[in-house]
């Protein structure tokens, strides 16, 4: 077993902890508000939430298969010409830079951080720090994370997950932009004009 087969599952658990569990707990403790807004209603917002959960589960599946069953991993059709130390090094750099980037963005977002659209509690519009570079730095970090994992373990599943994650996040961004424009009006319109959606 290589060090990556041991490390990648640990990294994914760390990622879930840093990107979701810690900020959820912190926001709830400081505000009493549950920042997870995805529900089980039959609408576009909650359906996107469901798809995101499926994508995360499939990402864990891909990593666990890579780590614990090389025989089954071959059924994922590894992209052999991408399996080299350079591509792998790029992927490792990307997943760690993305995690740092996401952590900074969540810290700067503070109590305005949500998973999904919060129709019940008005949040402040964060436009400074990393948010002056990207309107959606956390989503950008998520896209880079999945792309990095594809570079580390390039196969059919991780490729499909990278493409699907990008598309689903783009849809969610547009849903959130419509909501934020209704919530913050001209302030958000001005922010959109001067700051790019991703980078």
N, C-alpha and C. Protein backbone atom coordinates (compact mmCIF):
# COMPACT_ATOMS: atom_id res chain seq x y z
N UNK A 1 0.85 -1.20 0.00
CA UNK A 1 0.00 0.00 0.00
C UNK A 1 0.88 1.24 0.00
N UNK A 2 0.59 2.18 -0.92
CA UNK A 2 1.38 3.41 -1.01
C UNK A 2 0.88 4.43 0.02
N UNK A 3 1.68 5.49 0.22
CA UNK A 3 1.29 6.52 1.18
C UNK A 3 0.02 7.23 0.75
N UNK A 4 -0.19 7.37 -0.57
CA UNK A 4 -1.41 8.03 -1.05
C UNK A 4 -2.66 7.22 -0.74
N UNK A 5 -2.54 5.90 -0.81
CA UNK A 5 -3.68 5.05 -0.49
C UNK A 5 -4.08 5.19 0.98
N UNK A 6 -3.10 5.50 1.82
CA UNK A 6 -3.39 5.73 3.24
C UNK A 6 -3.88 7.17 3.45
N UNK A 7 -3.24 8.11 2.74
CA UNK A 7 -3.48 9.53 3.02
C UNK A 7 -4.79 10.05 2.45
N UNK A 8 -5.18 9.62 1.25
CA UNK A 8 -6.37 10.20 0.61
C UNK A 8 -7.65 10.05 1.42
N UNK A 9 -7.93 8.86 2.01
CA UNK A 9 -9.13 8.79 2.87
C UNK A 9 -9.05 9.74 4.07
N UNK A 10 -7.84 9.88 4.63
CA UNK A 10 -7.65 10.80 5.76
C UNK A 10 -7.90 12.23 5.31
N UNK A 11 -7.37 12.58 4.12
CA UNK A 11 -7.58 13.93 3.58
C UNK A 11 -9.07 14.20 3.39
N UNK A 12 -9.82 13.24 2.84
CA UNK A 12 -11.24 13.45 2.60
C UNK A 12 -12.00 13.68 3.90
N UNK A 13 -11.65 12.92 4.93
CA UNK A 13 -12.28 13.13 6.24
C UNK A 13 -11.94 14.51 6.79
N UNK A 14 -10.68 14.93 6.62
CA UNK A 14 -10.26 16.27 7.05
C UNK A 14 -11.02 17.34 6.27
N UNK A 15 -11.19 17.09 4.97
CA UNK A 15 -11.90 18.03 4.10
C UNK A 15 -13.35 18.22 4.58
N UNK A 16 -14.03 17.11 4.85
CA UNK A 16 -15.42 17.17 5.33
C UNK A 16 -15.48 17.90 6.67
N UNK A 17 -14.50 17.63 7.52
CA UNK A 17 -14.45 18.27 8.84
C UNK A 17 -14.27 19.78 8.70
N UNK A 18 -13.27 20.18 7.91
CA UNK A 18 -12.93 21.60 7.77
C UNK A 18 -13.98 22.35 6.95
N UNK A 19 -14.44 21.74 5.86
CA UNK A 19 -15.32 22.44 4.93
C UNK A 19 -16.78 22.44 5.35
N UNK A 20 -17.20 21.46 6.15
CA UNK A 20 -18.62 21.36 6.47
C UNK A 20 -18.92 21.29 7.97
N UNK A 21 -18.29 20.35 8.68
CA UNK A 21 -18.67 20.11 10.07
C UNK A 21 -18.28 21.27 10.99
N UNK A 22 -17.03 21.72 10.92
CA UNK A 22 -16.56 22.79 11.80
C UNK A 22 -17.34 24.09 11.58
N UNK A 23 -17.47 24.57 10.32
CA UNK A 23 -18.23 25.83 10.14
C UNK A 23 -19.71 25.70 10.49
N UNK A 24 -20.28 24.51 10.29
CA UNK A 24 -21.67 24.30 10.68
C UNK A 24 -21.82 24.42 12.19
N UNK A 25 -20.95 23.76 12.92
CA UNK A 25 -20.98 23.82 14.39
C UNK A 25 -20.73 25.24 14.88
N UNK A 26 -19.72 25.91 14.30
CA UNK A 26 -19.37 27.27 14.74
C UNK A 26 -20.54 28.24 14.50
N UNK A 27 -21.15 28.17 13.32
CA UNK A 27 -22.25 29.07 13.01
C UNK A 27 -23.45 28.81 13.92
N UNK A 28 -23.73 27.53 14.14
CA UNK A 28 -24.88 27.19 15.00
C UNK A 28 -24.62 27.65 16.44
N UNK A 29 -23.40 27.45 16.92
CA UNK A 29 -23.08 27.82 18.29
C UNK A 29 -23.15 29.33 18.49
N UNK A 30 -22.71 30.10 17.49
CA UNK A 30 -22.67 31.55 17.62
C UNK A 30 -24.01 32.23 17.36
N UNK A 31 -24.86 31.59 16.54
CA UNK A 31 -26.11 32.25 16.14
C UNK A 31 -27.37 31.49 16.55
N UNK A 32 -27.23 30.19 16.84
CA UNK A 32 -28.41 29.37 17.10
C UNK A 32 -29.15 28.99 15.84
N UNK A 33 -28.56 29.32 14.68
CA UNK A 33 -29.19 29.04 13.38
C UNK A 33 -28.50 27.85 12.74
N UNK A 34 -29.28 26.90 12.24
CA UNK A 34 -28.71 25.78 11.50
C UNK A 34 -28.36 26.26 10.10
N UNK A 35 -27.06 26.30 9.74
CA UNK A 35 -26.67 26.83 8.43
C UNK A 35 -26.95 25.89 7.27
N UNK A 36 -27.34 24.66 7.55
CA UNK A 36 -27.67 23.71 6.48
C UNK A 36 -29.13 23.94 6.08
N UNK A 37 -29.33 24.48 4.89
CA UNK A 37 -30.68 24.88 4.48
C UNK A 37 -31.31 23.94 3.47
N UNK A 38 -30.55 22.98 2.96
CA UNK A 38 -31.12 22.02 2.02
C UNK A 38 -32.13 21.14 2.75
N UNK A 39 -33.31 20.98 2.17
CA UNK A 39 -34.34 20.14 2.77
C UNK A 39 -34.71 18.98 1.86
N UNK A 40 -35.95 18.54 1.96
CA UNK A 40 -36.41 17.40 1.17
C UNK A 40 -37.62 17.78 0.32
N UNK A 41 -37.76 19.07 0.04
CA UNK A 41 -38.87 19.52 -0.80
C UNK A 41 -38.59 19.23 -2.27
N UNK A 42 -39.63 19.21 -3.05
CA UNK A 42 -39.49 18.91 -4.48
C UNK A 42 -39.28 20.20 -5.27
N UNK A 43 -38.12 20.84 -5.02
CA UNK A 43 -37.79 22.05 -5.77
C UNK A 43 -36.33 21.98 -6.22
N UNK A 44 -35.94 22.92 -7.08
CA UNK A 44 -34.60 22.89 -7.67
C UNK A 44 -33.51 22.98 -6.60
N UNK A 45 -33.71 23.85 -5.61
CA UNK A 45 -32.70 24.06 -4.57
C UNK A 45 -32.42 22.79 -3.79
N UNK A 46 -33.47 22.12 -3.32
CA UNK A 46 -33.28 20.91 -2.51
C UNK A 46 -32.80 19.74 -3.36
N UNK A 47 -33.19 19.72 -4.63
CA UNK A 47 -32.71 18.66 -5.53
C UNK A 47 -31.20 18.79 -5.74
N UNK A 48 -30.72 20.03 -5.90
CA UNK A 48 -29.28 20.27 -6.02
C UNK A 48 -28.56 19.78 -4.76
N UNK A 49 -29.16 20.03 -3.59
CA UNK A 49 -28.58 19.55 -2.34
C UNK A 49 -28.45 18.05 -2.32
N UNK A 50 -29.48 17.36 -2.81
CA UNK A 50 -29.44 15.90 -2.88
C UNK A 50 -28.34 15.42 -3.82
N UNK A 51 -28.22 16.06 -4.98
CA UNK A 51 -27.18 15.68 -5.96
C UNK A 51 -25.80 15.89 -5.37
N UNK A 52 -25.61 16.99 -4.63
CA UNK A 52 -24.31 17.25 -4.01
C UNK A 52 -23.94 16.15 -3.02
N UNK A 53 -24.92 15.67 -2.25
CA UNK A 53 -24.65 14.58 -1.30
C UNK A 53 -24.23 13.31 -2.05
N UNK A 54 -24.90 13.03 -3.17
CA UNK A 54 -24.56 11.86 -3.99
C UNK A 54 -23.14 11.99 -4.53
N UNK A 55 -22.78 13.19 -5.01
CA UNK A 55 -21.44 13.40 -5.56
C UNK A 55 -20.36 13.20 -4.49
N UNK A 56 -20.61 13.69 -3.29
CA UNK A 56 -19.65 13.51 -2.19
C UNK A 56 -19.50 12.02 -1.86
N UNK A 57 -20.62 11.30 -1.82
CA UNK A 57 -20.59 9.86 -1.53
C UNK A 57 -19.80 9.12 -2.61
N UNK A 58 -19.99 9.48 -3.87
CA UNK A 58 -19.28 8.82 -4.96
C UNK A 58 -17.78 9.15 -4.92
N UNK A 59 -17.46 10.37 -4.47
CA UNK A 59 -16.05 10.74 -4.33
C UNK A 59 -15.39 9.88 -3.26
N UNK A 60 -16.08 9.69 -2.14
CA UNK A 60 -15.56 8.79 -1.09
C UNK A 60 -15.41 7.37 -1.64
N UNK A 61 -16.39 6.92 -2.41
CA UNK A 61 -16.34 5.59 -3.00
C UNK A 61 -15.11 5.43 -3.88
N UNK A 62 -14.86 6.41 -4.74
CA UNK A 62 -13.70 6.35 -5.65
C UNK A 62 -12.39 6.27 -4.88
N UNK A 63 -12.28 7.07 -3.81
CA UNK A 63 -11.05 7.09 -3.01
C UNK A 63 -10.88 5.78 -2.24
N UNK A 64 -11.96 5.29 -1.65
CA UNK A 64 -11.88 4.05 -0.87
C UNK A 64 -11.54 2.86 -1.76
N UNK A 65 -12.09 2.82 -2.96
CA UNK A 65 -11.75 1.74 -3.91
C UNK A 65 -10.28 1.82 -4.28
N UNK A 66 -9.80 3.04 -4.55
CA UNK A 66 -8.38 3.24 -4.87
C UNK A 66 -7.49 2.77 -3.71
N UNK A 67 -7.91 3.06 -2.49
CA UNK A 67 -7.08 2.77 -1.33
C UNK A 67 -7.11 1.31 -0.90
N UNK A 68 -8.25 0.65 -1.08
CA UNK A 68 -8.39 -0.67 -0.46
C UNK A 68 -8.66 -1.83 -1.43
N UNK A 69 -8.83 -1.53 -2.71
CA UNK A 69 -9.04 -2.63 -3.65
C UNK A 69 -8.58 -2.27 -5.06
N UNK A 70 -7.31 -2.50 -5.31
CA UNK A 70 -6.78 -2.20 -6.64
C UNK A 70 -7.43 -3.06 -7.72
N UNK A 71 -7.89 -4.22 -7.37
CA UNK A 71 -8.54 -5.09 -8.35
C UNK A 71 -9.86 -4.47 -8.83
N UNK A 72 -10.67 -4.01 -7.88
CA UNK A 72 -11.93 -3.35 -8.24
C UNK A 72 -11.65 -2.00 -8.89
N UNK A 73 -10.59 -1.33 -8.44
CA UNK A 73 -10.24 -0.01 -8.98
C UNK A 73 -10.04 -0.07 -10.49
N UNK A 74 -9.57 -1.18 -11.01
CA UNK A 74 -9.34 -1.30 -12.45
C UNK A 74 -10.64 -1.20 -13.24
N UNK A 75 -11.76 -1.52 -12.60
CA UNK A 75 -13.06 -1.39 -13.28
C UNK A 75 -13.48 0.06 -13.46
N UNK A 76 -12.80 0.98 -12.77
CA UNK A 76 -13.09 2.40 -12.93
C UNK A 76 -12.36 2.99 -14.14
N UNK A 77 -11.68 2.13 -14.90
CA UNK A 77 -10.97 2.54 -16.12
C UNK A 77 -9.96 3.67 -15.86
N UNK A 78 -8.89 3.39 -15.12
CA UNK A 78 -7.87 4.41 -14.88
C UNK A 78 -7.32 4.96 -16.20
N UNK A 79 -7.07 6.26 -16.22
CA UNK A 79 -6.49 6.92 -17.41
C UNK A 79 -4.97 6.80 -17.28
N UNK A 80 -4.42 5.79 -17.93
CA UNK A 80 -3.03 5.41 -17.69
C UNK A 80 -2.03 6.52 -18.02
N UNK A 81 -2.28 7.27 -19.10
CA UNK A 81 -1.29 8.27 -19.50
C UNK A 81 -1.26 9.48 -18.55
N UNK A 82 -2.26 9.57 -17.67
CA UNK A 82 -2.25 10.64 -16.66
C UNK A 82 -1.68 10.16 -15.32
N UNK A 83 -1.38 8.88 -15.24
CA UNK A 83 -0.85 8.34 -13.99
C UNK A 83 0.68 8.50 -13.97
N UNK A 84 1.11 9.69 -13.59
CA UNK A 84 2.55 9.96 -13.48
C UNK A 84 2.79 10.91 -12.32
N UNK A 85 4.04 11.06 -11.93
CA UNK A 85 4.37 11.83 -10.73
C UNK A 85 4.06 13.32 -10.90
N UNK A 86 4.18 13.84 -12.12
CA UNK A 86 3.92 15.27 -12.35
C UNK A 86 2.44 15.58 -12.15
N UNK A 87 1.58 14.81 -12.82
CA UNK A 87 0.14 15.02 -12.69
C UNK A 87 -0.31 14.80 -11.25
N UNK A 88 0.24 13.78 -10.63
CA UNK A 88 -0.10 13.48 -9.24
C UNK A 88 0.33 14.63 -8.32
N UNK A 89 1.52 15.16 -8.57
CA UNK A 89 2.01 16.29 -7.76
C UNK A 89 1.13 17.52 -7.91
N UNK A 90 0.66 17.78 -9.14
CA UNK A 90 -0.25 18.90 -9.38
C UNK A 90 -1.54 18.69 -8.59
N UNK A 91 -2.06 17.46 -8.65
CA UNK A 91 -3.29 17.15 -7.92
C UNK A 91 -3.16 17.33 -6.43
N UNK A 92 -2.04 16.86 -5.87
CA UNK A 92 -1.81 16.99 -4.42
C UNK A 92 -1.72 18.46 -4.03
N UNK A 93 -1.03 19.26 -4.85
CA UNK A 93 -0.94 20.70 -4.57
C UNK A 93 -2.33 21.34 -4.63
N UNK A 94 -3.13 20.97 -5.63
CA UNK A 94 -4.46 21.57 -5.81
C UNK A 94 -5.38 21.28 -4.63
N UNK A 95 -5.41 20.02 -4.16
CA UNK A 95 -6.36 19.69 -3.09
C UNK A 95 -6.00 20.41 -1.78
N UNK A 96 -4.71 20.62 -1.55
CA UNK A 96 -4.31 21.28 -0.31
C UNK A 96 -4.50 22.80 -0.41
N UNK A 97 -4.17 23.38 -1.57
CA UNK A 97 -4.42 24.81 -1.77
C UNK A 97 -5.92 25.11 -1.68
N UNK A 98 -6.73 24.21 -2.25
CA UNK A 98 -8.18 24.40 -2.22
C UNK A 98 -8.71 24.37 -0.79
N UNK A 99 -8.20 23.45 0.02
CA UNK A 99 -8.65 23.34 1.41
C UNK A 99 -8.29 24.60 2.20
N UNK A 100 -7.09 25.10 1.99
CA UNK A 100 -6.66 26.35 2.66
C UNK A 100 -7.55 27.51 2.20
N UNK A 101 -7.78 27.59 0.89
CA UNK A 101 -8.61 28.64 0.29
C UNK A 101 -10.04 28.61 0.88
N UNK A 102 -10.62 27.42 0.96
CA UNK A 102 -11.97 27.25 1.51
C UNK A 102 -12.01 27.67 2.97
N UNK A 103 -10.98 27.28 3.73
CA UNK A 103 -10.93 27.62 5.16
C UNK A 103 -10.89 29.12 5.37
N UNK A 104 -10.08 29.81 4.57
CA UNK A 104 -9.99 31.28 4.68
C UNK A 104 -11.32 31.91 4.31
N UNK A 105 -11.94 31.43 3.23
CA UNK A 105 -13.22 31.99 2.79
C UNK A 105 -14.30 31.81 3.85
N UNK A 106 -14.34 30.64 4.46
CA UNK A 106 -15.35 30.39 5.50
C UNK A 106 -15.10 31.26 6.73
N UNK A 107 -13.83 31.45 7.08
CA UNK A 107 -13.50 32.31 8.21
C UNK A 107 -13.96 33.74 7.93
N UNK A 108 -13.70 34.22 6.72
CA UNK A 108 -14.07 35.59 6.35
C UNK A 108 -15.59 35.74 6.22
N UNK A 109 -16.27 34.67 5.85
CA UNK A 109 -17.72 34.71 5.72
C UNK A 109 -18.40 34.73 7.09
N UNK A 110 -17.72 34.17 8.10
CA UNK A 110 -18.19 34.18 9.48
C UNK A 110 -19.62 33.64 9.58
N UNK A 111 -20.51 34.37 10.23
CA UNK A 111 -21.86 33.88 10.48
C UNK A 111 -22.79 33.98 9.28
N UNK A 112 -22.29 34.53 8.19
CA UNK A 112 -23.09 34.57 6.95
C UNK A 112 -22.99 33.25 6.19
N UNK A 113 -22.12 32.36 6.64
CA UNK A 113 -21.92 31.09 5.93
C UNK A 113 -23.16 30.21 6.02
N UNK A 114 -23.55 29.67 4.86
CA UNK A 114 -24.67 28.75 4.79
C UNK A 114 -24.36 27.64 3.79
N UNK A 115 -25.00 26.49 3.97
CA UNK A 115 -24.99 25.44 2.96
C UNK A 115 -26.36 25.51 2.28
N UNK A 116 -26.41 26.19 1.16
CA UNK A 116 -27.67 26.41 0.46
C UNK A 116 -28.20 27.81 0.70
N UNK A 117 -29.47 28.02 0.38
CA UNK A 117 -30.10 29.34 0.44
C UNK A 117 -30.97 29.42 1.70
N UNK A 118 -30.67 30.42 2.53
CA UNK A 118 -31.42 30.63 3.76
C UNK A 118 -32.49 31.70 3.53
N UNK A 119 -33.73 31.26 3.34
CA UNK A 119 -34.84 32.17 3.09
C UNK A 119 -35.35 32.82 4.37
N UNK A 120 -34.98 32.27 5.54
CA UNK A 120 -35.57 32.70 6.80
C UNK A 120 -34.74 33.73 7.54
N UNK A 121 -33.42 33.67 7.39
CA UNK A 121 -32.54 34.55 8.18
C UNK A 121 -31.67 35.39 7.25
N UNK A 122 -31.80 36.70 7.36
CA UNK A 122 -31.00 37.59 6.50
C UNK A 122 -29.55 37.59 6.95
N UNK A 123 -28.66 37.44 5.99
CA UNK A 123 -27.22 37.44 6.28
C UNK A 123 -26.57 38.65 5.63
N UNK A 124 -25.45 39.07 6.22
CA UNK A 124 -24.70 40.20 5.66
C UNK A 124 -24.04 39.78 4.36
N UNK A 125 -23.91 40.71 3.43
CA UNK A 125 -23.22 40.46 2.17
C UNK A 125 -21.72 40.66 2.39
N UNK A 126 -20.94 39.61 2.22
CA UNK A 126 -19.49 39.66 2.43
C UNK A 126 -18.82 39.95 1.08
N UNK A 127 -18.07 41.04 1.02
CA UNK A 127 -17.44 41.44 -0.25
C UNK A 127 -15.94 41.72 -0.11
N UNK A 128 -15.40 41.55 1.08
CA UNK A 128 -13.99 41.87 1.32
C UNK A 128 -13.14 40.61 1.41
N UNK A 129 -11.83 40.78 1.47
CA UNK A 129 -10.91 39.65 1.55
C UNK A 129 -10.95 38.83 0.27
N UNK A 130 -11.02 37.52 0.41
CA UNK A 130 -11.09 36.63 -0.74
C UNK A 130 -12.33 36.91 -1.59
N UNK A 131 -13.39 37.42 -0.95
CA UNK A 131 -14.63 37.69 -1.66
C UNK A 131 -14.53 38.91 -2.58
N UNK A 132 -13.44 39.64 -2.49
CA UNK A 132 -13.20 40.73 -3.44
C UNK A 132 -12.55 40.20 -4.72
N UNK A 133 -12.08 38.95 -4.67
CA UNK A 133 -11.46 38.30 -5.83
C UNK A 133 -12.47 37.41 -6.54
N UNK A 134 -13.29 36.72 -5.75
CA UNK A 134 -14.27 35.77 -6.27
C UNK A 134 -15.57 35.92 -5.50
N UNK A 135 -16.71 35.94 -6.21
CA UNK A 135 -18.00 36.01 -5.51
C UNK A 135 -18.34 34.68 -4.85
N UNK A 136 -17.72 33.61 -5.32
CA UNK A 136 -18.04 32.27 -4.82
C UNK A 136 -16.76 31.48 -4.54
N UNK A 137 -15.93 31.96 -3.60
CA UNK A 137 -14.64 31.30 -3.37
C UNK A 137 -14.77 29.87 -2.82
N UNK A 138 -15.82 29.60 -2.03
CA UNK A 138 -15.97 28.25 -1.48
C UNK A 138 -16.32 27.27 -2.60
N UNK A 139 -17.22 27.67 -3.48
CA UNK A 139 -17.55 26.82 -4.62
C UNK A 139 -16.33 26.63 -5.53
N UNK A 140 -15.56 27.70 -5.70
CA UNK A 140 -14.33 27.59 -6.50
C UNK A 140 -13.38 26.57 -5.88
N UNK A 141 -13.24 26.62 -4.55
CA UNK A 141 -12.39 25.67 -3.86
C UNK A 141 -12.87 24.24 -4.01
N UNK A 142 -14.20 24.06 -4.00
CA UNK A 142 -14.76 22.72 -4.16
C UNK A 142 -14.46 22.16 -5.56
N UNK A 143 -14.60 23.01 -6.57
CA UNK A 143 -14.30 22.59 -7.95
C UNK A 143 -12.83 22.20 -8.07
N UNK A 144 -11.95 23.01 -7.50
CA UNK A 144 -10.50 22.73 -7.57
C UNK A 144 -10.18 21.45 -6.81
N UNK A 145 -10.85 21.21 -5.69
CA UNK A 145 -10.62 19.99 -4.90
C UNK A 145 -10.92 18.74 -5.72
N UNK A 146 -12.08 18.74 -6.36
CA UNK A 146 -12.48 17.56 -7.14
C UNK A 146 -11.56 17.39 -8.35
N UNK A 147 -11.18 18.50 -8.97
CA UNK A 147 -10.25 18.44 -10.09
C UNK A 147 -8.90 17.87 -9.65
N UNK A 148 -8.45 18.30 -8.46
CA UNK A 148 -7.19 17.80 -7.91
C UNK A 148 -7.24 16.30 -7.67
N UNK A 149 -8.36 15.81 -7.15
CA UNK A 149 -8.50 14.37 -6.93
C UNK A 149 -8.52 13.61 -8.25
N UNK A 150 -9.08 14.21 -9.29
CA UNK A 150 -9.02 13.57 -10.61
C UNK A 150 -7.57 13.43 -11.08
N UNK A 151 -6.76 14.47 -10.86
CA UNK A 151 -5.36 14.40 -11.26
C UNK A 151 -4.60 13.33 -10.47
N UNK A 152 -4.98 13.14 -9.21
CA UNK A 152 -4.31 12.15 -8.37
C UNK A 152 -4.73 10.73 -8.74
N UNK A 153 -6.05 10.53 -8.88
CA UNK A 153 -6.56 9.20 -9.28
C UNK A 153 -7.44 9.36 -10.54
N UNK A 154 -6.78 9.54 -11.68
CA UNK A 154 -7.53 9.78 -12.92
C UNK A 154 -8.23 8.51 -13.42
N UNK A 155 -9.54 8.54 -13.43
CA UNK A 155 -10.31 7.42 -13.95
C UNK A 155 -11.66 7.93 -14.43
N UNK A 156 -12.45 7.04 -14.99
CA UNK A 156 -13.75 7.45 -15.55
C UNK A 156 -14.65 8.08 -14.51
N UNK A 157 -14.70 7.48 -13.31
CA UNK A 157 -15.58 8.01 -12.27
C UNK A 157 -15.16 9.39 -11.80
N UNK A 158 -13.87 9.59 -11.50
CA UNK A 158 -13.43 10.90 -11.01
C UNK A 158 -13.55 11.96 -12.09
N UNK A 159 -13.40 11.56 -13.36
CA UNK A 159 -13.61 12.51 -14.45
C UNK A 159 -15.07 12.95 -14.50
N UNK A 160 -15.98 11.98 -14.44
CA UNK A 160 -17.42 12.30 -14.46
C UNK A 160 -17.81 13.14 -13.25
N UNK A 161 -17.22 12.84 -12.09
CA UNK A 161 -17.50 13.61 -10.89
C UNK A 161 -17.02 15.06 -11.02
N UNK A 162 -15.87 15.25 -11.66
CA UNK A 162 -15.34 16.60 -11.87
C UNK A 162 -16.27 17.41 -12.75
N UNK A 163 -16.70 16.83 -13.86
CA UNK A 163 -17.58 17.52 -14.79
C UNK A 163 -18.94 17.80 -14.14
N UNK A 164 -19.50 16.78 -13.49
CA UNK A 164 -20.83 16.92 -12.87
C UNK A 164 -20.80 17.93 -11.73
N UNK A 165 -19.75 17.89 -10.91
CA UNK A 165 -19.61 18.85 -9.81
C UNK A 165 -19.59 20.27 -10.34
N UNK A 166 -18.82 20.49 -11.41
CA UNK A 166 -18.75 21.83 -12.01
C UNK A 166 -20.13 22.31 -12.47
N UNK A 167 -20.87 21.43 -13.16
CA UNK A 167 -22.19 21.81 -13.67
C UNK A 167 -23.16 22.08 -12.53
N UNK A 168 -23.20 21.18 -11.54
CA UNK A 168 -24.13 21.34 -10.41
C UNK A 168 -23.82 22.62 -9.63
N UNK A 169 -22.54 22.89 -9.41
CA UNK A 169 -22.16 24.11 -8.69
C UNK A 169 -22.55 25.36 -9.48
N UNK A 170 -22.38 25.31 -10.80
CA UNK A 170 -22.77 26.46 -11.62
C UNK A 170 -24.27 26.72 -11.51
N UNK A 171 -25.08 25.66 -11.45
CA UNK A 171 -26.52 25.82 -11.27
C UNK A 171 -26.83 26.42 -9.90
N UNK A 172 -26.19 25.87 -8.86
CA UNK A 172 -26.42 26.37 -7.50
C UNK A 172 -26.00 27.83 -7.37
N UNK A 173 -24.89 28.20 -7.99
CA UNK A 173 -24.43 29.59 -7.95
C UNK A 173 -25.50 30.52 -8.51
N UNK A 174 -26.11 30.14 -9.62
CA UNK A 174 -27.12 30.98 -10.24
C UNK A 174 -28.39 31.08 -9.39
N UNK A 175 -28.75 30.00 -8.72
CA UNK A 175 -29.88 30.06 -7.79
C UNK A 175 -29.58 31.03 -6.64
N UNK A 176 -28.36 30.95 -6.12
CA UNK A 176 -27.97 31.81 -5.02
C UNK A 176 -27.87 33.27 -5.46
N UNK A 177 -27.39 33.49 -6.69
CA UNK A 177 -27.27 34.86 -7.19
C UNK A 177 -28.65 35.52 -7.31
N UNK A 178 -29.64 34.78 -7.79
CA UNK A 178 -30.99 35.32 -7.88
C UNK A 178 -31.51 35.70 -6.50
N UNK A 179 -31.25 34.82 -5.53
CA UNK A 179 -31.69 35.08 -4.15
C UNK A 179 -30.98 36.30 -3.57
N UNK A 180 -29.66 36.37 -3.73
CA UNK A 180 -28.89 37.47 -3.16
C UNK A 180 -29.25 38.81 -3.80
N UNK A 181 -29.60 38.78 -5.07
CA UNK A 181 -30.02 40.02 -5.73
C UNK A 181 -31.36 40.50 -5.16
N UNK A 182 -32.26 39.56 -4.86
CA UNK A 182 -33.53 39.94 -4.23
C UNK A 182 -33.28 40.46 -2.81
N UNK A 183 -32.35 39.82 -2.11
CA UNK A 183 -32.10 40.15 -0.70
C UNK A 183 -31.36 41.48 -0.54
N UNK A 184 -30.33 41.68 -1.36
CA UNK A 184 -29.45 42.84 -1.17
C UNK A 184 -29.61 43.93 -2.24
N UNK A 185 -30.38 43.64 -3.27
CA UNK A 185 -30.69 44.66 -4.27
C UNK A 185 -29.47 45.23 -4.97
N UNK A 186 -29.40 46.56 -5.04
CA UNK A 186 -28.36 47.25 -5.80
C UNK A 186 -26.96 46.96 -5.25
N UNK A 187 -26.88 46.74 -3.95
CA UNK A 187 -25.56 46.43 -3.36
C UNK A 187 -24.97 45.18 -4.00
N UNK A 188 -25.81 44.16 -4.19
CA UNK A 188 -25.30 42.93 -4.80
C UNK A 188 -25.06 43.11 -6.29
N UNK A 189 -25.88 43.89 -6.96
CA UNK A 189 -25.69 44.16 -8.39
C UNK A 189 -24.34 44.85 -8.61
N UNK A 190 -24.03 45.82 -7.77
CA UNK A 190 -22.73 46.51 -7.86
C UNK A 190 -21.58 45.55 -7.61
N UNK A 191 -21.78 44.65 -6.65
CA UNK A 191 -20.76 43.64 -6.34
C UNK A 191 -20.54 42.72 -7.53
N UNK A 192 -21.61 42.31 -8.19
CA UNK A 192 -21.51 41.45 -9.36
C UNK A 192 -20.72 42.12 -10.49
N UNK A 193 -20.91 43.42 -10.62
CA UNK A 193 -20.25 44.15 -11.70
C UNK A 193 -18.73 44.18 -11.52
N UNK A 194 -18.28 44.33 -10.27
CA UNK A 194 -16.84 44.51 -10.04
C UNK A 194 -16.09 43.23 -9.66
N UNK A 195 -16.83 42.15 -9.35
CA UNK A 195 -16.17 40.91 -8.90
C UNK A 195 -16.65 39.74 -9.74
N UNK A 196 -15.71 38.92 -10.19
CA UNK A 196 -16.05 37.79 -11.05
C UNK A 196 -16.76 36.68 -10.27
N UNK A 197 -17.54 35.89 -11.00
CA UNK A 197 -18.33 34.81 -10.38
C UNK A 197 -17.42 33.79 -9.69
N UNK A 198 -16.39 33.32 -10.38
CA UNK A 198 -15.46 32.36 -9.79
C UNK A 198 -14.07 32.96 -9.65
N UNK A 199 -13.41 33.23 -10.75
CA UNK A 199 -12.05 33.81 -10.67
C UNK A 199 -11.72 34.52 -11.97
